[in-house]
Amino acid sequence: MATKLFVGNLPFNTTNADLEELFSQAGTVASVNIIADKFSGKSRGFGFVEMADSREAQAAIERFSGYQFQGRALTVNEAKPQTERSGGGRSSSGRDDRGWGKASGGRERRW
């Protein structure tokens, strides 16, 4: 069964192909997904690598956690399952989830 790994502290110019090439040294890579900002399209500096099996995933964690890749020390660990998010953002009252809202003049005010 495939195991998904979180890979953090990626250089912003890293491509999916770069990451696949690196992790293939530890075993069979099933998929690679570098997360990009939805507005700018630029890398957010982290991604996910899915290894073919848990043994290869563990080998990748041991080999690449702290590994210097293009001048940055990678963070590699098993990805946690994605949790369901609340709607977030602003409610119909104009307040966000923390109770902050916009006062006139564009300044934030605590209600």
Protein backbone atom coordinates (compact mmCIF):
# COMPACT_ATOMS: atom_id res chain seq x y z
CA MET A 1 0.00 0.00 0.00
CA ALA A 2 1.29 3.47 -0.93
CA THR A 3 2.42 5.84 1.82
CA LYS A 4 2.23 9.61 1.45
CA LEU A 5 5.10 11.73 2.78
CA PHE A 6 5.13 15.43 3.63
CA VAL A 7 8.24 17.21 2.32
CA GLY A 8 8.86 20.68 3.72
CA ASN A 9 11.44 23.45 3.40
CA LEU A 10 11.70 22.95 -0.35
CA PRO A 11 13.53 25.54 -2.42
CA PHE A 12 10.86 27.56 -4.25
CA ASN A 13 12.24 26.63 -7.68
CA THR A 14 12.00 22.85 -7.09
CA THR A 15 9.92 21.00 -9.70
CA ASN A 16 7.91 17.79 -9.39
CA ALA A 17 10.55 16.11 -11.60
CA ASP A 18 13.37 17.23 -9.24
CA LEU A 19 11.55 15.76 -6.24
CA GLU A 20 10.67 12.54 -8.05
CA GLU A 21 14.29 12.07 -9.10
CA LEU A 22 15.52 12.61 -5.53
CA PHE A 23 13.01 10.29 -3.84
CA SER A 24 13.40 7.55 -6.44
CA GLN A 25 16.80 6.93 -4.83
CA ALA A 26 14.87 5.46 -1.86
CA GLY A 27 12.35 3.41 -3.87
CA THR A 28 9.43 3.57 -6.26
CA VAL A 29 7.69 6.94 -6.35
CA ALA A 30 3.96 6.66 -7.05
CA SER A 31 3.26 10.41 -7.27
CA VAL A 32 4.67 13.86 -6.49
CA ASN A 33 2.72 17.05 -5.81
CA ILE A 34 4.39 20.36 -4.93
CA ILE A 35 1.83 22.74 -3.50
CA ALA A 36 1.52 26.11 -5.26
CA ASP A 37 -0.13 29.35 -4.20
CA LYS A 38 -3.55 29.50 -5.86
CA PHE A 39 -3.18 33.16 -6.81
CA SER A 40 0.45 33.50 -7.91
CA GLY A 41 1.06 29.88 -8.97
CA LYS A 42 4.43 29.94 -7.18
CA SER A 43 5.58 27.10 -4.94
CA ARG A 44 4.67 27.38 -1.27
CA GLY A 45 7.84 25.49 -0.30
CA PHE A 46 6.28 22.13 0.54
CA GLY A 47 4.77 19.15 -1.18
CA PHE A 48 3.87 15.49 -0.98
CA VAL A 49 5.60 12.40 -2.30
CA GLU A 50 3.73 9.09 -2.40
CA MET A 51 6.00 6.07 -2.12
CA ALA A 52 4.90 2.66 -3.42
CA ASP A 53 5.09 0.93 -0.03
CA SER A 54 5.62 1.73 3.65
CA ARG A 55 9.10 0.18 3.76
CA GLU A 56 10.34 2.47 0.99
CA ALA A 57 8.59 5.43 2.62
CA GLN A 58 10.41 4.77 5.90
CA ALA A 59 13.72 4.52 4.01
CA ALA A 60 12.99 7.89 2.36
CA ILE A 61 12.20 9.51 5.72
CA GLU A 62 15.45 8.23 7.22
CA ARG A 63 17.51 9.20 4.18
CA PHE A 64 16.08 12.64 3.38
CA SER A 65 14.99 14.16 6.70
CA GLY A 66 17.54 16.94 7.21
CA TYR A 67 19.06 16.25 3.77
CA GLN A 68 20.60 19.32 2.11
CA PHE A 69 18.74 19.80 -1.17
CA GLN A 70 19.61 22.84 -3.30
CA GLY A 71 20.94 24.59 -0.20
CA ARG A 72 18.02 23.80 2.17
CA ALA A 73 17.60 21.12 4.83
CA LEU A 74 14.47 19.12 3.98
CA THR A 75 11.80 18.16 6.49
CA VAL A 76 10.37 14.74 5.65
CA ASN A 77 7.77 12.78 7.61
CA GLU A 78 4.66 10.73 7.05
CA ALA A 79 1.78 12.94 5.95
CA LYS A 80 -1.13 13.27 8.32
CA PRO A 81 -4.61 12.64 6.91
CA GLN A 82 -6.25 15.83 5.68
CA THR A 83 -8.84 17.04 8.17
CA GLU A 84 -12.11 18.54 7.12
CA ARG A 85 -11.97 22.33 7.33
CA SER A 86 -14.72 24.64 8.49
CA GLY A 87 -15.89 27.31 6.08
CA GLY A 88 -13.44 29.80 7.62
CA GLY A 89 -13.18 33.36 6.51
CA ARG A 90 -15.92 35.88 7.10
CA SER A 91 -19.43 35.08 8.22
CA SER A 92 -22.54 36.86 7.01
CA SER A 93 -22.15 39.31 9.93
CA GLY A 94 -18.81 40.51 8.50
CA ARG A 95 -16.84 38.92 11.32
CA ASP A 96 -14.24 36.22 10.79
CA ASP A 97 -14.02 33.09 12.96
CA ARG A 98 -11.98 34.97 15.60
CA GLY A 99 -14.54 37.74 16.08
CA TRP A 100 -12.67 40.36 14.02
CA GLY A 101 -14.48 42.50 11.53
CA LYS A 102 -13.89 45.58 9.42
CA ALA A 103 -14.82 48.93 10.92
CA SER A 104 -15.43 51.93 8.71
CA GLY A 105 -12.23 53.35 7.33
CA GLY A 106 -10.78 49.88 6.64
CA ARG A 107 -9.37 49.32 10.15
CA GLU A 108 -10.03 46.05 11.95
CA ARG A 109 -12.05 46.17 15.11
CA ARG A 110 -12.78 43.52 17.73
CA TRP A 111 -16.55 43.19 18.24
